[in-house]
Amino acid sequence: MVKQIERDEVRALLAAGAQLVDVLPEREYADEHLEGAVNVPATAIGPDTVGALRRDRPVIVYCYDRE
């Protein structure tokens, strides 16, 4: 299920053990990302990358757009 959430809910989910995924390209992820986030570039999303995420915990996916 996809759902847009606000900052307070992100914090609560992370405190409860949610996984944080940054979908920016590796170079942009290396420049700046949220603490604790793993990088799964949007162009690389597939069975191999998604399979590495735990199904028993929520997943928060984000992409920082500087524009």
PDB file of N, CA and C in Angstrom:
ATOM      1  N   MET A   1       0.839  -1.169   0.000  1.00  0.00           N
ATOM      2  CA  MET A   1       0.000   0.000   0.000  1.00  0.00           C
ATOM      3  C   MET A   1       0.892   1.243   0.000  1.00  0.00           C
ATOM      4  N   VAL A   2       0.611   2.164  -0.853  1.00  0.00           N
ATOM      5  CA  VAL A   2       1.360   3.418  -0.938  1.00  0.00           C
ATOM      6  C   VAL A   2       0.572   4.496  -0.216  1.00  0.00           C
ATOM      7  N   LYS A   3       1.278   5.265   0.595  1.00  0.00           N
ATOM      8  CA  LYS A   3       0.630   6.316   1.373  1.00  0.00           C
ATOM      9  C   LYS A   3       1.638   7.432   1.603  1.00  0.00           C
ATOM     10  N   GLN A   4       1.239   8.654   1.356  1.00  0.00           N
ATOM     11  CA  GLN A   4       2.102   9.801   1.646  1.00  0.00           C
ATOM     12  C   GLN A   4       1.943  10.138   3.124  1.00  0.00           C
ATOM     13  N   ILE A   5       3.080  10.332   3.806  1.00  0.00           N
ATOM     14  CA  ILE A   5       3.032  10.631   5.238  1.00  0.00           C
ATOM     15  C   ILE A   5       3.859  11.873   5.538  1.00  0.00           C
ATOM     16  N   GLU A   6       3.584  12.461   6.678  1.00  0.00           N
ATOM     17  CA  GLU A   6       4.282  13.670   7.107  1.00  0.00           C
ATOM     18  C   GLU A   6       5.434  13.303   8.046  1.00  0.00           C
ATOM     19  N   ARG A   7       6.240  14.277   8.351  1.00  0.00           N
ATOM     20  CA  ARG A   7       7.457  14.095   9.136  1.00  0.00           C
ATOM     21  C   ARG A   7       7.226  13.401  10.483  1.00  0.00           C
ATOM     22  N   ASP A   8       6.189  13.795  11.210  1.00  0.00           N
ATOM     23  CA  ASP A   8       5.941  13.188  12.519  1.00  0.00           C
ATOM     24  C   ASP A   8       5.649  11.697  12.404  1.00  0.00           C
ATOM     25  N   GLU A   9       4.902  11.314  11.375  1.00  0.00           N
ATOM     26  CA  GLU A   9       4.600   9.894  11.190  1.00  0.00           C
ATOM     27  C   GLU A   9       5.849   9.123  10.763  1.00  0.00           C
ATOM     28  N   VAL A  10       6.712   9.763   9.972  1.00  0.00           N
ATOM     29  CA  VAL A  10       7.984   9.130   9.598  1.00  0.00           C
ATOM     30  C   VAL A  10       8.784   8.840  10.861  1.00  0.00           C
ATOM     31  N   ARG A  11       8.887   9.826  11.726  1.00  0.00           N
ATOM     32  CA  ARG A  11       9.647   9.640  12.969  1.00  0.00           C
ATOM     33  C   ARG A  11       9.072   8.501  13.817  1.00  0.00           C
ATOM     34  N   ALA A  12       7.751   8.453  13.939  1.00  0.00           N
ATOM     35  CA  ALA A  12       7.104   7.405  14.734  1.00  0.00           C
ATOM     36  C   ALA A  12       7.344   6.033  14.115  1.00  0.00           C
ATOM     37  N   LEU A  13       7.229   5.928  12.807  1.00  0.00           N
ATOM     38  CA  LEU A  13       7.457   4.642  12.138  1.00  0.00           C
ATOM     39  C   LEU A  13       8.909   4.194  12.289  1.00  0.00           C
ATOM     40  N   LEU A  14       9.852   5.117  12.141  1.00  0.00           N
ATOM     41  CA  LEU A  14      11.262   4.769  12.307  1.00  0.00           C
ATOM     42  C   LEU A  14      11.547   4.314  13.737  1.00  0.00           C
ATOM     43  N   ALA A  15      10.949   4.983  14.705  1.00  0.00           N
ATOM     44  CA  ALA A  15      11.133   4.590  16.100  1.00  0.00           C
ATOM     45  C   ALA A  15      10.580   3.191  16.358  1.00  0.00           C
ATOM     46  N   ALA A  16       9.581   2.794  15.566  1.00  0.00           N
ATOM     47  CA  ALA A  16       8.968   1.479  15.712  1.00  0.00           C
ATOM     48  C   ALA A  16       9.662   0.417  14.854  1.00  0.00           C
ATOM     49  N   GLY A  17      10.738   0.809  14.146  1.00  0.00           N
ATOM     50  CA  GLY A  17      11.519  -0.174  13.394  1.00  0.00           C
ATOM     51  C   GLY A  17      11.320  -0.190  11.893  1.00  0.00           C
ATOM     52  N   ALA A  18      10.685   0.824  11.328  1.00  0.00           N
ATOM     53  CA  ALA A  18      10.500   0.875   9.882  1.00  0.00           C
ATOM     54  C   ALA A  18      11.845   0.978   9.164  1.00  0.00           C
ATOM     55  N   GLN A  19      11.852   0.550   7.920  1.00  0.00           N
ATOM     56  CA  GLN A  19      13.037   0.618   7.066  1.00  0.00           C
ATOM     57  C   GLN A  19      12.958   1.889   6.223  1.00  0.00           C
ATOM     58  N   LEU A  20      14.065   2.583   6.071  1.00  0.00           N
ATOM     59  CA  LEU A  20      14.115   3.832   5.329  1.00  0.00           C
ATOM     60  C   LEU A  20      14.918   3.609   4.048  1.00  0.00           C
ATOM     61  N   VAL A  21      14.288   3.874   2.898  1.00  0.00           N
ATOM     62  CA  VAL A  21      14.915   3.618   1.603  1.00  0.00           C
ATOM     63  C   VAL A  21      14.967   4.904   0.784  1.00  0.00           C
ATOM     64  N   ASP A  22      16.178   5.282   0.378  1.00  0.00           N
ATOM     65  CA  ASP A  22      16.402   6.440  -0.494  1.00  0.00           C
ATOM     66  C   ASP A  22      16.533   5.907  -1.918  1.00  0.00           C
ATOM     67  N   VAL A  23      15.734   6.431  -2.850  1.00  0.00           N
ATOM     68  CA  VAL A  23      15.743   5.914  -4.218  1.00  0.00           C
ATOM     69  C   VAL A  23      16.531   6.787  -5.200  1.00  0.00           C
ATOM     70  N   LEU A  24      17.339   7.691  -4.689  1.00  0.00           N
ATOM     71  CA  LEU A  24      18.186   8.513  -5.556  1.00  0.00           C
ATOM     72  C   LEU A  24      19.316   7.678  -6.155  1.00  0.00           C
ATOM     73  N   PRO A  25      19.905   8.133  -7.256  1.00  0.00           N
ATOM     74  CA  PRO A  25      21.093   7.458  -7.791  1.00  0.00           C
ATOM     75  C   PRO A  25      22.200   7.443  -6.735  1.00  0.00           C
ATOM     76  N   GLU A  26      23.073   6.452  -6.818  1.00  0.00           N
ATOM     77  CA  GLU A  26      24.125   6.259  -5.808  1.00  0.00           C
ATOM     78  C   GLU A  26      24.929   7.527  -5.531  1.00  0.00           C
ATOM     79  N   ARG A  27      25.290   8.244  -6.574  1.00  0.00           N
ATOM     80  CA  ARG A  27      26.125   9.448  -6.398  1.00  0.00           C
ATOM     81  C   ARG A  27      25.403  10.498  -5.548  1.00  0.00           C
ATOM     82  N   GLU A  28      24.121  10.720  -5.821  1.00  0.00           N
ATOM     83  CA  GLU A  28      23.362  11.699  -5.047  1.00  0.00           C
ATOM     84  C   GLU A  28      23.129  11.202  -3.621  1.00  0.00           C
ATOM     85  N   TYR A  29      22.912   9.913  -3.467  1.00  0.00           N
ATOM     86  CA  TYR A  29      22.761   9.325  -2.134  1.00  0.00           C
ATOM     87  C   TYR A  29      24.042   9.546  -1.330  1.00  0.00           C
ATOM     88  N   ALA A  30      25.188   9.338  -1.963  1.00  0.00           N
ATOM     89  CA  ALA A  30      26.475   9.511  -1.282  1.00  0.00           C
ATOM     90  C   ALA A  30      26.674  10.958  -0.833  1.00  0.00           C
ATOM     91  N   ASP A  31      26.161  11.899  -1.618  1.00  0.00           N
ATOM     92  CA  ASP A  31      26.303  13.317  -1.272  1.00  0.00           C
ATOM     93  C   ASP A  31      25.485  13.687  -0.041  1.00  0.00           C
ATOM     94  N   GLU A  32      24.275  13.156   0.037  1.00  0.00           N
ATOM     95  CA  GLU A  32      23.394  13.527   1.146  1.00  0.00           C
ATOM     96  C   GLU A  32      22.221  12.552   1.233  1.00  0.00           C
ATOM     97  N   HIS A  33      21.999  12.015   2.422  1.00  0.00           N
ATOM     98  CA  HIS A  33      20.853  11.148   2.670  1.00  0.00           C
ATOM     99  C   HIS A  33      20.507  11.185   4.156  1.00  0.00           C
ATOM    100  N   LEU A  34      19.316  10.732   4.471  1.00  0.00           N
ATOM    101  CA  LEU A  34      18.898  10.691   5.867  1.00  0.00           C
ATOM    102  C   LEU A  34      19.641   9.581   6.600  1.00  0.00           C
ATOM    103  N   GLU A  35      19.990   9.838   7.828  1.00  0.00           N
ATOM    104  CA  GLU A  35      20.701   8.862   8.632  1.00  0.00           C
ATOM    105  C   GLU A  35      19.895   7.567   8.729  1.00  0.00           C
ATOM    106  N   GLY A  36      20.563   6.454   8.506  1.00  0.00           N
ATOM    107  CA  GLY A  36      19.924   5.148   8.609  1.00  0.00           C
ATOM    108  C   GLY A  36      19.285   4.663   7.321  1.00  0.00           C
ATOM    109  N   ALA A  37      19.261   5.505   6.292  1.00  0.00           N
ATOM    110  CA  ALA A  37      18.644   5.107   5.025  1.00  0.00           C
ATOM    111  C   ALA A  37      19.565   4.178   4.239  1.00  0.00           C
ATOM    112  N   VAL A  38      18.956   3.236   3.544  1.00  0.00           N
ATOM    113  CA  VAL A  38      19.691   2.400   2.601  1.00  0.00           C
ATOM    114  C   VAL A  38      19.377   2.921   1.214  1.00  0.00           C
ATOM    115  N   ASN A  39      20.294   2.702   0.292  1.00  0.00           N
ATOM    116  CA  ASN A  39      20.110   3.192  -1.069  1.00  0.00           C
ATOM    117  C   ASN A  39      19.672   2.068  -1.991  1.00  0.00           C
ATOM    118  N   VAL A  40      18.521   2.268  -2.624  1.00  0.00           N
ATOM    119  CA  VAL A  40      18.024   1.392  -3.676  1.00  0.00           C
ATOM    120  C   VAL A  40      17.581   2.337  -4.796  1.00  0.00           C
ATOM    121  N   PRO A  41      18.498   2.653  -5.729  1.00  0.00           N
ATOM    122  CA  PRO A  41      18.144   3.591  -6.792  1.00  0.00           C
ATOM    123  C   PRO A  41      16.874   3.160  -7.520  1.00  0.00           C
ATOM    124  N   ALA A  42      16.031   4.112  -7.841  1.00  0.00           N
ATOM    125  CA  ALA A  42      14.756   3.816  -8.499  1.00  0.00           C
ATOM    126  C   ALA A  42      14.965   2.995  -9.767  1.00  0.00           C
ATOM    127  N   THR A  43      16.044   3.255 -10.481  1.00  0.00           N
ATOM    128  CA  THR A  43      16.304   2.523 -11.725  1.00  0.00           C
ATOM    129  C   THR A  43      16.742   1.089 -11.481  1.00  0.00           C
ATOM    130  N   ALA A  44      17.072   0.765 -10.231  1.00  0.00           N
ATOM    131  CA  ALA A  44      17.541  -0.582  -9.901  1.00  0.00           C
ATOM    132  C   ALA A  44      16.501  -1.401  -9.139  1.00  0.00           C
ATOM    133  N   ILE A  45      15.323  -0.835  -8.917  1.00  0.00           N
ATOM    134  CA  ILE A  45      14.304  -1.564  -8.158  1.00  0.00           C
ATOM    135  C   ILE A  45      13.843  -2.772  -8.951  1.00  0.00           C
ATOM    136  N   GLY A  46      13.896  -3.898  -8.298  1.00  0.00           N
ATOM    137  CA  GLY A  46      13.486  -5.155  -8.917  1.00  0.00           C
ATOM    138  C   GLY A  46      13.450  -6.245  -7.865  1.00  0.00           C
ATOM    139  N   PRO A  47      13.196  -7.470  -8.263  1.00  0.00           N
ATOM    140  CA  PRO A  47      13.086  -8.569  -7.296  1.00  0.00           C
ATOM    141  C   PRO A  47      14.320  -8.730  -6.407  1.00  0.00           C
ATOM    142  N   ASP A  48      15.508  -8.527  -6.979  1.00  0.00           N
ATOM    143  CA  ASP A  48      16.732  -8.700  -6.187  1.00  0.00           C
ATOM    144  C   ASP A  48      16.880  -7.632  -5.114  1.00  0.00           C
ATOM    145  N   THR A  49      16.560  -6.386  -5.441  1.00  0.00           N
ATOM    146  CA  THR A  49      16.731  -5.306  -4.475  1.00  0.00           C
ATOM    147  C   THR A  49      15.590  -5.260  -3.466  1.00  0.00           C
ATOM    148  N   VAL A  50      14.376  -5.431  -3.924  1.00  0.00           N
ATOM    149  CA  VAL A  50      13.223  -5.401  -3.027  1.00  0.00           C
ATOM    150  C   VAL A  50      13.232  -6.619  -2.108  1.00  0.00           C
ATOM    151  N   GLY A  51      13.736  -7.730  -2.606  1.00  0.00           N
ATOM    152  CA  GLY A  51      13.808  -8.949  -1.801  1.00  0.00           C
ATOM    153  C   GLY A  51      14.704  -8.814  -0.586  1.00  0.00           C
ATOM    154  N   ALA A  52      15.608  -7.836  -0.601  1.00  0.00           N
ATOM    155  CA  ALA A  52      16.507  -7.619   0.532  1.00  0.00           C
ATOM    156  C   ALA A  52      15.814  -6.897   1.690  1.00  0.00           C
ATOM    157  N   LEU A  53      14.636  -6.328   1.438  1.00  0.00           N
ATOM    158  CA  LEU A  53      13.900  -5.622   2.490  1.00  0.00           C
ATOM    159  C   LEU A  53      13.077  -6.625   3.301  1.00  0.00           C
ATOM    160  N   ARG A  54      12.891  -6.334   4.553  1.00  0.00           N
ATOM    161  CA  ARG A  54      12.116  -7.223   5.423  1.00  0.00           C
ATOM    162  C   ARG A  54      10.623  -6.998   5.220  1.00  0.00           C
ATOM    163  N   ARG A  55       9.895  -8.062   5.046  1.00  0.00           N
ATOM    164  CA  ARG A  55       8.452  -7.973   4.822  1.00  0.00           C
ATOM    165  C   ARG A  55       7.676  -7.739   6.113  1.00  0.00           C
ATOM    166  N   ASP A  56       8.304  -7.951   7.250  1.00  0.00           N
ATOM    167  CA  ASP A  56       7.597  -7.813   8.529  1.00  0.00           C
ATOM    168  C   ASP A  56       7.728  -6.412   9.130  1.00  0.00           C
ATOM    169  N   ARG A  57       8.350  -5.504   8.399  1.00  0.00           N
ATOM    170  CA  ARG A  57       8.512  -4.129   8.876  1.00  0.00           C
ATOM    171  C   ARG A  57       8.087  -3.152   7.789  1.00  0.00           C
ATOM    172  N   PRO A  58       7.465  -2.025   8.172  1.00  0.00           N
ATOM    173  CA  PRO A  58       7.093  -1.025   7.167  1.00  0.00           C
ATOM    174  C   PRO A  58       8.322  -0.498   6.433  1.00  0.00           C
ATOM    175  N   VAL A  59       8.112  -0.068   5.193  1.00  0.00           N
ATOM    176  CA  VAL A  59       9.174   0.505   4.378  1.00  0.00           C
ATOM    177  C   VAL A  59       8.786   1.935   4.032  1.00  0.00           C
ATOM    178  N   ILE A  60       9.666   2.867   4.345  1.00  0.00           N
ATOM    179  CA  ILE A  60       9.466   4.271   3.987  1.00  0.00           C
ATOM    180  C   ILE A  60      10.413   4.569   2.847  1.00  0.00           C
ATOM    181  N   VAL A  61       9.859   4.950   1.703  1.00  0.00           N
ATOM    182  CA  VAL A  61      10.646   5.266   0.527  1.00  0.00           C
ATOM    183  C   VAL A  61      10.612   6.774   0.317  1.00  0.00           C
ATOM    184  N   TYR A  62      11.782   7.356   0.089  1.00  0.00           N
ATOM    185  CA  TYR A  62      11.814   8.795  -0.150  1.00  0.00           C
ATOM    186  C   TYR A  62      12.820   9.140  -1.222  1.00  0.00           C
ATOM    187  N   CYS A  63      12.635  10.326  -1.780  1.00  0.00           N
ATOM    188  CA  CYS A  63      13.544  10.867  -2.794  1.00  0.00           C
ATOM    189  C   CYS A  63      13.598  12.369  -2.552  1.00  0.00           C
ATOM    190  N   TYR A  64      14.761  12.878  -2.285  1.00  0.00           N
ATOM    191  CA  TYR A  64      14.932  14.297  -2.048  1.00  0.00           C
ATOM    192  C   TYR A  64      15.132  15.003  -3.376  1.00  0.00           C
ATOM    193  N   ASP A  65      14.254  15.919  -3.693  1.00  0.00           N
ATOM    194  CA  ASP A  65      14.329  16.681  -4.933  1.00  0.00           C
ATOM    195  C   ASP A  65      14.748  18.107  -4.586  1.00  0.00           C
ATOM    196  N   ARG A  66      15.896  18.497  -5.051  1.00  0.00           N
ATOM    197  CA  ARG A  66      16.431  19.827  -4.720  1.00  0.00           C
ATOM    198  C   ARG A  66      15.761  20.925  -5.519  1.00  0.00           C
ATOM    199  N   GLU A  67      14.997  20.595  -6.493  1.00  0.00           N
ATOM    200  CA  GLU A  67      14.363  21.602  -7.338  1.00  0.00           C
ATOM    201  C   GLU A  67      13.055  22.059  -6.788  1.00  0.00           C
TER     202      GLU A  67
END
